Structure formats: structure tokens, C-alpha cells
Amino acid sequence: MFNRKSRLGNIGEDVAIKFFRKKGYKILERNFRTKKGEIDLIAERDGQLVFVEVKARSSENFGEPVQFVNVAKQKRILAAALFYLTKNKLWHKKVRFDIIGITKKGDNIDIKHEKNAFTLEHTLDSGNTYWQPW
């Protein structure tokens, strides 16, 4: 049984998948989970892997959806991405971390795509924590 928040999240991911496919991306994974974190979508285009966080909201009263991806969330995404790259032996690939913000008001859907929303170096420099992806 889904609650309202998870239904909106699933709708957001469906919208993001359609958005990326229209732009020529191949969707490799949806909801890739590890013990350390989750990645909503993993896509590929022109040899580049794109790890995507999807944030869906029913309004922007408390800010745009992309503003809700804090440093702690970024670190969990990065940990999952490093695990994915290691597991699949994809270290040779270019990678990027994007955020898709979706605001759904009735039948209207607003999509904001923030490419290169964060990087491995920037996120790890934001705190003095020991880094190990697994």
C-alpha cells in the first residue's frame, strides 16, 4: 500500500524517465539500492553515466524540489554510485550527478533539470569524513 508521498515519488520518477528518454538517454536502472544509499535513476547517453535524484513536490511553498538534496543525501547518492561503478567495472565511464525537480499541481507538471548538480569532490570536501563507498 502506497502513501501519498510515495505515489508522488513514483509519478515523479515516471515523468523523469519519459523526460530523459525524449532527450535520447537510455535508462539503465530505477531505484538502485545499496546498504549505503539509493539512486532514483541511472541513465546513459553518449558514453556518459548520469546518476539522477528525482524530487517531486505538489507545490513550491517551501522551496523548489531541487533544494531538498542536502549534503547528507548527496553523500548517500555518491556512495551508491561508487558501489554501482565498482560492481559493474565502469570506472572508465564519464559520470555526472543530476537532479530532476518535478512540481505537480493538478494536471500541470513543471520539470527542472539541474545537470552537474553536485560532484564527488565538492560533496566530499564539505565534511571531514572518512570515505569508503561500501
N, C-alpha and C. Protein backbone atom coordinates (compact mmCIF):
# COMPACT_ATOMS: atom_id res chain seq x y z
N MET A 1 0.84 -1.18 0.00
CA MET A 1 0.00 0.00 0.00
C MET A 1 0.89 1.24 0.00
N PHE A 2 0.59 2.18 -0.88
CA PHE A 2 1.39 3.38 -1.03
C PHE A 2 0.73 4.55 -0.32
N ASN A 3 1.57 5.38 0.29
CA ASN A 3 1.02 6.61 0.85
C ASN A 3 1.13 7.72 -0.20
N ARG A 4 0.59 8.87 0.11
CA ARG A 4 0.56 9.98 -0.85
C ARG A 4 1.96 10.38 -1.31
N LYS A 5 2.91 10.41 -0.39
CA LYS A 5 4.27 10.83 -0.71
C LYS A 5 4.94 9.84 -1.67
N SER A 6 4.78 8.54 -1.41
CA SER A 6 5.42 7.56 -2.30
C SER A 6 4.75 7.53 -3.67
N ARG A 7 3.43 7.78 -3.72
CA ARG A 7 2.74 7.86 -5.02
C ARG A 7 3.29 9.02 -5.83
N LEU A 8 3.46 10.16 -5.17
CA LEU A 8 4.01 11.34 -5.85
C LEU A 8 5.43 11.05 -6.31
N GLY A 9 6.21 10.36 -5.48
CA GLY A 9 7.57 9.99 -5.86
C GLY A 9 7.60 9.09 -7.09
N ASN A 10 6.70 8.11 -7.13
CA ASN A 10 6.62 7.22 -8.29
C ASN A 10 6.20 7.97 -9.55
N ILE A 11 5.25 8.88 -9.40
CA ILE A 11 4.83 9.71 -10.54
C ILE A 11 6.01 10.54 -11.02
N GLY A 12 6.74 11.12 -10.08
CA GLY A 12 7.91 11.92 -10.43
C GLY A 12 8.95 11.12 -11.19
N GLU A 13 9.21 9.90 -10.73
CA GLU A 13 10.19 9.05 -11.43
C GLU A 13 9.69 8.69 -12.82
N ASP A 14 8.41 8.40 -12.96
CA ASP A 14 7.85 8.11 -14.29
C ASP A 14 8.02 9.30 -15.23
N VAL A 15 7.73 10.50 -14.73
CA VAL A 15 7.89 11.72 -15.53
C VAL A 15 9.35 11.91 -15.91
N ALA A 16 10.26 11.69 -14.96
CA ALA A 16 11.68 11.85 -15.24
C ALA A 16 12.17 10.86 -16.29
N ILE A 17 11.69 9.62 -16.21
CA ILE A 17 12.09 8.61 -17.21
C ILE A 17 11.64 9.05 -18.60
N LYS A 18 10.41 9.51 -18.74
CA LYS A 18 9.91 9.99 -20.04
C LYS A 18 10.75 11.18 -20.53
N PHE A 19 11.05 12.09 -19.60
CA PHE A 19 11.86 13.27 -19.92
C PHE A 19 13.22 12.85 -20.47
N PHE A 20 13.89 11.95 -19.78
CA PHE A 20 15.22 11.52 -20.22
C PHE A 20 15.16 10.74 -21.54
N ARG A 21 14.19 9.87 -21.68
CA ARG A 21 14.07 9.10 -22.93
C ARG A 21 13.85 10.03 -24.13
N LYS A 22 13.04 11.08 -23.94
CA LYS A 22 12.81 12.05 -25.02
C LYS A 22 14.11 12.73 -25.45
N LYS A 23 15.01 12.87 -24.50
CA LYS A 23 16.28 13.54 -24.78
C LYS A 23 17.36 12.55 -25.24
N GLY A 24 16.99 11.29 -25.45
CA GLY A 24 17.92 10.32 -26.01
C GLY A 24 18.72 9.52 -25.01
N TYR A 25 18.35 9.56 -23.74
CA TYR A 25 19.04 8.79 -22.71
C TYR A 25 18.47 7.38 -22.66
N LYS A 26 19.32 6.43 -22.34
CA LYS A 26 18.89 5.07 -22.08
C LYS A 26 18.83 4.91 -20.56
N ILE A 27 17.70 4.42 -20.05
CA ILE A 27 17.56 4.20 -18.61
C ILE A 27 18.13 2.83 -18.28
N LEU A 28 19.15 2.80 -17.42
CA LEU A 28 19.80 1.55 -17.04
C LEU A 28 19.23 0.95 -15.76
N GLU A 29 18.88 1.80 -14.81
CA GLU A 29 18.38 1.34 -13.51
C GLU A 29 17.36 2.33 -12.98
N ARG A 30 16.43 1.77 -12.22
CA ARG A 30 15.49 2.61 -11.46
C ARG A 30 15.53 2.11 -10.02
N ASN A 31 15.68 3.04 -9.08
CA ASN A 31 15.74 2.72 -7.65
C ASN A 31 16.83 1.71 -7.33
N PHE A 32 18.04 2.03 -7.76
CA PHE A 32 19.20 1.20 -7.44
C PHE A 32 19.54 1.40 -5.96
N ARG A 33 19.50 0.30 -5.18
CA ARG A 33 19.69 0.40 -3.73
C ARG A 33 20.94 -0.36 -3.28
N THR A 34 21.61 0.24 -2.31
CA THR A 34 22.71 -0.41 -1.61
C THR A 34 22.46 -0.18 -0.11
N LYS A 35 23.33 -0.75 0.71
CA LYS A 35 23.21 -0.52 2.15
C LYS A 35 23.48 0.94 2.51
N LYS A 36 24.26 1.61 1.69
CA LYS A 36 24.67 2.99 1.99
C LYS A 36 23.79 4.06 1.37
N GLY A 37 23.00 3.70 0.34
CA GLY A 37 22.20 4.72 -0.30
C GLY A 37 21.41 4.19 -1.48
N GLU A 38 20.67 5.11 -2.10
CA GLU A 38 19.81 4.76 -3.23
C GLU A 38 19.98 5.81 -4.31
N ILE A 39 19.85 5.36 -5.55
CA ILE A 39 19.85 6.26 -6.70
C ILE A 39 18.52 6.06 -7.41
N ASP A 40 17.79 7.14 -7.62
CA ASP A 40 16.48 7.02 -8.24
C ASP A 40 16.57 6.50 -9.68
N LEU A 41 17.46 7.11 -10.47
CA LEU A 41 17.64 6.69 -11.86
C LEU A 41 19.11 6.68 -12.23
N ILE A 42 19.48 5.71 -13.03
CA ILE A 42 20.80 5.70 -13.64
C ILE A 42 20.55 5.64 -15.14
N ALA A 43 21.07 6.64 -15.85
CA ALA A 43 20.84 6.74 -17.29
C ALA A 43 22.20 6.84 -17.99
N GLU A 44 22.15 6.68 -19.31
CA GLU A 44 23.37 6.79 -20.09
C GLU A 44 23.06 7.45 -21.43
N ARG A 45 23.95 8.33 -21.84
CA ARG A 45 23.87 8.94 -23.16
C ARG A 45 25.26 9.34 -23.60
N ASP A 46 25.60 9.02 -24.82
CA ASP A 46 26.89 9.38 -25.40
C ASP A 46 28.06 8.90 -24.54
N GLY A 47 27.93 7.71 -23.96
CA GLY A 47 29.00 7.14 -23.17
C GLY A 47 29.15 7.69 -21.76
N GLN A 48 28.27 8.57 -21.36
CA GLN A 48 28.33 9.16 -20.01
C GLN A 48 27.21 8.60 -19.15
N LEU A 49 27.56 8.17 -17.93
CA LEU A 49 26.57 7.71 -16.97
C LEU A 49 26.05 8.91 -16.20
N VAL A 50 24.74 8.92 -15.99
CA VAL A 50 24.12 10.01 -15.25
C VAL A 50 23.35 9.41 -14.09
N PHE A 51 23.76 9.78 -12.88
CA PHE A 51 23.09 9.35 -11.66
C PHE A 51 22.11 10.47 -11.29
N VAL A 52 20.84 10.11 -11.18
CA VAL A 52 19.80 11.13 -11.06
C VAL A 52 19.02 10.98 -9.76
N GLU A 53 18.89 12.08 -9.06
CA GLU A 53 17.99 12.16 -7.90
C GLU A 53 16.73 12.88 -8.38
N VAL A 54 15.58 12.27 -8.15
CA VAL A 54 14.31 12.85 -8.55
C VAL A 54 13.60 13.35 -7.30
N LYS A 55 13.23 14.62 -7.32
CA LYS A 55 12.48 15.21 -6.21
C LYS A 55 11.16 15.73 -6.76
N ALA A 56 10.07 15.18 -6.26
CA ALA A 56 8.74 15.60 -6.70
C ALA A 56 8.00 16.23 -5.54
N ARG A 57 7.31 17.30 -5.83
CA ARG A 57 6.53 18.02 -4.83
C ARG A 57 5.20 18.43 -5.44
N SER A 58 4.24 18.68 -4.59
CA SER A 58 2.93 19.13 -5.07
C SER A 58 2.84 20.66 -5.06
N SER A 59 3.84 21.33 -4.49
CA SER A 59 3.89 22.80 -4.53
C SER A 59 5.32 23.23 -4.26
N GLU A 60 5.56 24.51 -4.49
CA GLU A 60 6.88 25.08 -4.19
C GLU A 60 6.79 26.02 -3.00
N ASN A 61 5.79 25.82 -2.15
CA ASN A 61 5.59 26.69 -0.99
C ASN A 61 6.80 26.71 -0.06
N PHE A 62 7.51 25.61 0.02
CA PHE A 62 8.66 25.52 0.92
C PHE A 62 9.98 25.51 0.16
N GLY A 63 9.94 25.86 -1.12
CA GLY A 63 11.14 25.88 -1.94
C GLY A 63 11.01 24.94 -3.12
N GLU A 64 11.93 25.09 -4.06
CA GLU A 64 11.93 24.23 -5.23
C GLU A 64 12.39 22.83 -4.84
N PRO A 65 11.89 21.82 -5.52
CA PRO A 65 12.27 20.44 -5.18
C PRO A 65 13.78 20.18 -5.14
N VAL A 66 14.53 20.80 -6.07
CA VAL A 66 15.97 20.54 -6.12
C VAL A 66 16.70 21.03 -4.87
N GLN A 67 16.08 21.94 -4.12
CA GLN A 67 16.70 22.45 -2.90
C GLN A 67 16.71 21.44 -1.76
N PHE A 68 16.00 20.35 -1.92
CA PHE A 68 15.88 19.36 -0.86
C PHE A 68 16.92 18.25 -0.93
N VAL A 69 17.92 18.41 -1.78
CA VAL A 69 19.00 17.43 -1.88
C VAL A 69 20.20 18.02 -1.13
N ASN A 70 20.26 17.73 0.17
CA ASN A 70 21.32 18.29 1.02
C ASN A 70 22.61 17.47 0.90
N VAL A 71 23.64 17.90 1.58
CA VAL A 71 24.95 17.24 1.51
C VAL A 71 24.87 15.80 2.00
N ALA A 72 24.11 15.52 3.05
CA ALA A 72 23.98 14.15 3.54
C ALA A 72 23.38 13.25 2.46
N LYS A 73 22.35 13.74 1.78
CA LYS A 73 21.72 12.98 0.69
C LYS A 73 22.70 12.79 -0.46
N GLN A 74 23.45 13.83 -0.78
CA GLN A 74 24.45 13.73 -1.84
C GLN A 74 25.48 12.65 -1.52
N LYS A 75 25.91 12.58 -0.27
CA LYS A 75 26.88 11.56 0.12
C LYS A 75 26.32 10.15 -0.03
N ARG A 76 25.05 9.97 0.28
CA ARG A 76 24.43 8.65 0.11
C ARG A 76 24.32 8.28 -1.36
N ILE A 77 24.01 9.25 -2.20
CA ILE A 77 23.94 9.01 -3.65
C ILE A 77 25.33 8.66 -4.17
N LEU A 78 26.32 9.40 -3.72
CA LEU A 78 27.70 9.14 -4.16
C LEU A 78 28.17 7.75 -3.73
N ALA A 79 27.84 7.35 -2.52
CA ALA A 79 28.23 6.02 -2.04
C ALA A 79 27.60 4.94 -2.92
N ALA A 80 26.32 5.10 -3.24
CA ALA A 80 25.64 4.13 -4.10
C ALA A 80 26.23 4.14 -5.51
N ALA A 81 26.57 5.33 -6.01
CA ALA A 81 27.16 5.43 -7.35
C ALA A 81 28.53 4.75 -7.41
N LEU A 82 29.34 4.96 -6.38
CA LEU A 82 30.66 4.31 -6.35
C LEU A 82 30.51 2.80 -6.27
N PHE A 83 29.54 2.33 -5.52
CA PHE A 83 29.27 0.89 -5.46
C PHE A 83 28.85 0.38 -6.84
N TYR A 84 27.96 1.10 -7.52
CA TYR A 84 27.49 0.72 -8.85
C TYR A 84 28.67 0.65 -9.83
N LEU A 85 29.52 1.67 -9.82
CA LEU A 85 30.67 1.70 -10.72
C LEU A 85 31.62 0.53 -10.45
N THR A 86 31.84 0.23 -9.18
CA THR A 86 32.72 -0.87 -8.80
C THR A 86 32.11 -2.21 -9.19
N LYS A 87 30.86 -2.41 -8.84
CA LYS A 87 30.17 -3.67 -9.12
C LYS A 87 30.16 -3.99 -10.61
N ASN A 88 29.97 -2.97 -11.43
CA ASN A 88 29.83 -3.15 -12.88
C ASN A 88 31.12 -2.86 -13.65
N LYS A 89 32.21 -2.60 -12.91
CA LYS A 89 33.52 -2.32 -13.53
C LYS A 89 33.41 -1.21 -14.59
N LEU A 90 32.85 -0.09 -14.18
CA LEU A 90 32.60 1.02 -15.10
C LEU A 90 33.43 2.26 -14.77
N TRP A 91 34.58 2.08 -14.15
CA TRP A 91 35.41 3.22 -13.76
C TRP A 91 35.89 4.03 -14.95
N HIS A 92 35.87 3.46 -16.13
CA HIS A 92 36.33 4.16 -17.32
C HIS A 92 35.29 5.15 -17.86
N LYS A 93 34.07 5.08 -17.37
CA LYS A 93 32.99 5.94 -17.86
C LYS A 93 33.06 7.34 -17.26
N LYS A 94 32.65 8.31 -18.04
CA LYS A 94 32.41 9.66 -17.51
C LYS A 94 31.11 9.59 -16.72
N VAL A 95 31.05 10.31 -15.61
CA VAL A 95 29.83 10.31 -14.80
C VAL A 95 29.41 11.74 -14.48
N ARG A 96 28.13 11.85 -14.18
CA ARG A 96 27.55 13.14 -13.83
C ARG A 96 26.44 12.89 -12.82
N PHE A 97 26.20 13.85 -11.94
CA PHE A 97 25.14 13.76 -10.93
C PHE A 97 24.14 14.88 -11.18
N ASP A 98 22.92 14.49 -11.53
CA ASP A 98 21.87 15.45 -11.86
C ASP A 98 20.74 15.37 -10.84
N ILE A 99 19.97 16.44 -10.79
CA ILE A 99 18.74 16.46 -10.00
C ILE A 99 17.60 16.87 -10.93
N ILE A 100 16.52 16.13 -10.86
CA ILE A 100 15.30 16.49 -11.58
C ILE A 100 14.29 16.92 -10.52
N GLY A 101 13.84 18.15 -10.62
CA GLY A 101 12.81 18.65 -9.73
C GLY A 101 11.48 18.69 -10.47
N ILE A 102 10.48 18.04 -9.89
CA ILE A 102 9.17 17.97 -10.53
C ILE A 102 8.14 18.54 -9.57
N THR A 103 7.38 19.51 -10.06
CA THR A 103 6.28 20.06 -9.28
C THR A 103 4.99 19.74 -10.02
N LYS A 104 4.12 19.01 -9.35
CA LYS A 104 2.84 18.59 -9.95
C LYS A 104 1.71 19.31 -9.24
N LYS A 105 1.05 20.17 -9.99
CA LYS A 105 -0.11 20.90 -9.47
C LYS A 105 -1.30 20.53 -10.34
N GLY A 106 -2.13 19.62 -9.85
CA GLY A 106 -3.25 19.14 -10.66
C GLY A 106 -2.72 18.39 -11.87
N ASP A 107 -3.14 18.84 -13.06
CA ASP A 107 -2.65 18.21 -14.29
C ASP A 107 -1.39 18.87 -14.82
N ASN A 108 -0.98 19.97 -14.23
CA ASN A 108 0.23 20.68 -14.69
C ASN A 108 1.47 20.10 -14.04
N ILE A 109 2.49 19.87 -14.84
CA ILE A 109 3.76 19.35 -14.35
C ILE A 109 4.87 20.27 -14.81
N ASP A 110 5.65 20.74 -13.86
CA ASP A 110 6.82 21.58 -14.14
C ASP A 110 8.06 20.75 -13.87
N ILE A 111 8.97 20.70 -14.84
CA ILE A 111 10.20 19.91 -14.72
C ILE A 111 11.40 20.85 -14.76
N LYS A 112 12.27 20.71 -13.77
CA LYS A 112 13.53 21.46 -13.76
C LYS A 112 14.67 20.46 -13.70
N HIS A 113 15.55 20.53 -14.68
CA HIS A 113 16.67 19.59 -14.77
C HIS A 113 17.96 20.34 -14.44
N GLU A 114 18.58 19.96 -13.36
CA GLU A 114 19.85 20.57 -12.96
C GLU A 114 20.97 19.59 -13.25
N LYS A 115 21.70 19.85 -14.34
CA LYS A 115 22.83 18.99 -14.72
C LYS A 115 24.02 19.33 -13.83
N ASN A 116 24.84 18.31 -13.55
CA ASN A 116 26.03 18.50 -12.71
C ASN A 116 25.68 19.22 -11.42
N ALA A 117 24.60 18.78 -10.78
CA ALA A 117 24.11 19.43 -9.57
C ALA A 117 25.12 19.37 -8.43
N PHE A 118 25.90 18.30 -8.40
CA PHE A 118 26.97 18.18 -7.41
C PHE A 118 28.03 17.25 -7.98
N THR A 119 29.21 17.30 -7.37
CA THR A 119 30.32 16.47 -7.82
C THR A 119 30.89 15.70 -6.64
N LEU A 120 31.63 14.68 -6.95
CA LEU A 120 32.27 13.88 -5.92
C LEU A 120 33.20 14.75 -5.07
N GLU A 121 34.02 15.54 -5.72
CA GLU A 121 35.00 16.37 -4.99
C GLU A 121 34.32 17.38 -4.09
N HIS A 122 33.32 18.08 -4.61
CA HIS A 122 32.65 19.12 -3.83
C HIS A 122 31.94 18.53 -2.61
N THR A 123 31.26 17.42 -2.80
CA THR A 123 30.49 16.82 -1.71
C THR A 123 31.41 16.28 -0.62
N LEU A 124 32.50 15.64 -1.02
CA LEU A 124 33.41 15.09 -0.02
C LEU A 124 34.17 16.17 0.72
N ASP A 125 34.44 17.30 0.06
CA ASP A 125 35.13 18.40 0.72
C ASP A 125 34.25 19.12 1.73
N SER A 126 32.95 18.84 1.73
CA SER A 126 32.05 19.56 2.62
C SER A 126 32.07 19.02 4.05
N GLY A 127 32.82 17.99 4.29
CA GLY A 127 32.92 17.45 5.64
C GLY A 127 34.17 16.60 5.78
N ASN A 128 34.71 16.54 6.94
CA ASN A 128 35.92 15.75 7.17
C ASN A 128 35.55 14.33 7.58
N THR A 129 34.97 13.60 6.65
CA THR A 129 34.58 12.24 6.96
C THR A 129 35.43 11.27 6.16
N TYR A 130 35.69 10.13 6.75
CA TYR A 130 36.41 9.08 6.05
C TYR A 130 35.50 8.54 4.95
N TRP A 131 36.02 8.36 3.76
CA TRP A 131 35.19 7.96 2.64
C TRP A 131 35.50 6.54 2.20
N GLN A 132 34.50 5.72 2.24
CA GLN A 132 34.59 4.38 1.68
C GLN A 132 33.19 4.04 1.18
N PRO A 133 33.08 3.69 -0.11
CA PRO A 133 31.74 3.50 -0.67
C PRO A 133 31.02 2.24 -0.26
N TRP A 134 31.66 1.30 0.41
CA TRP A 134 30.95 0.07 0.77
C TRP A 134 31.20 -0.33 2.17
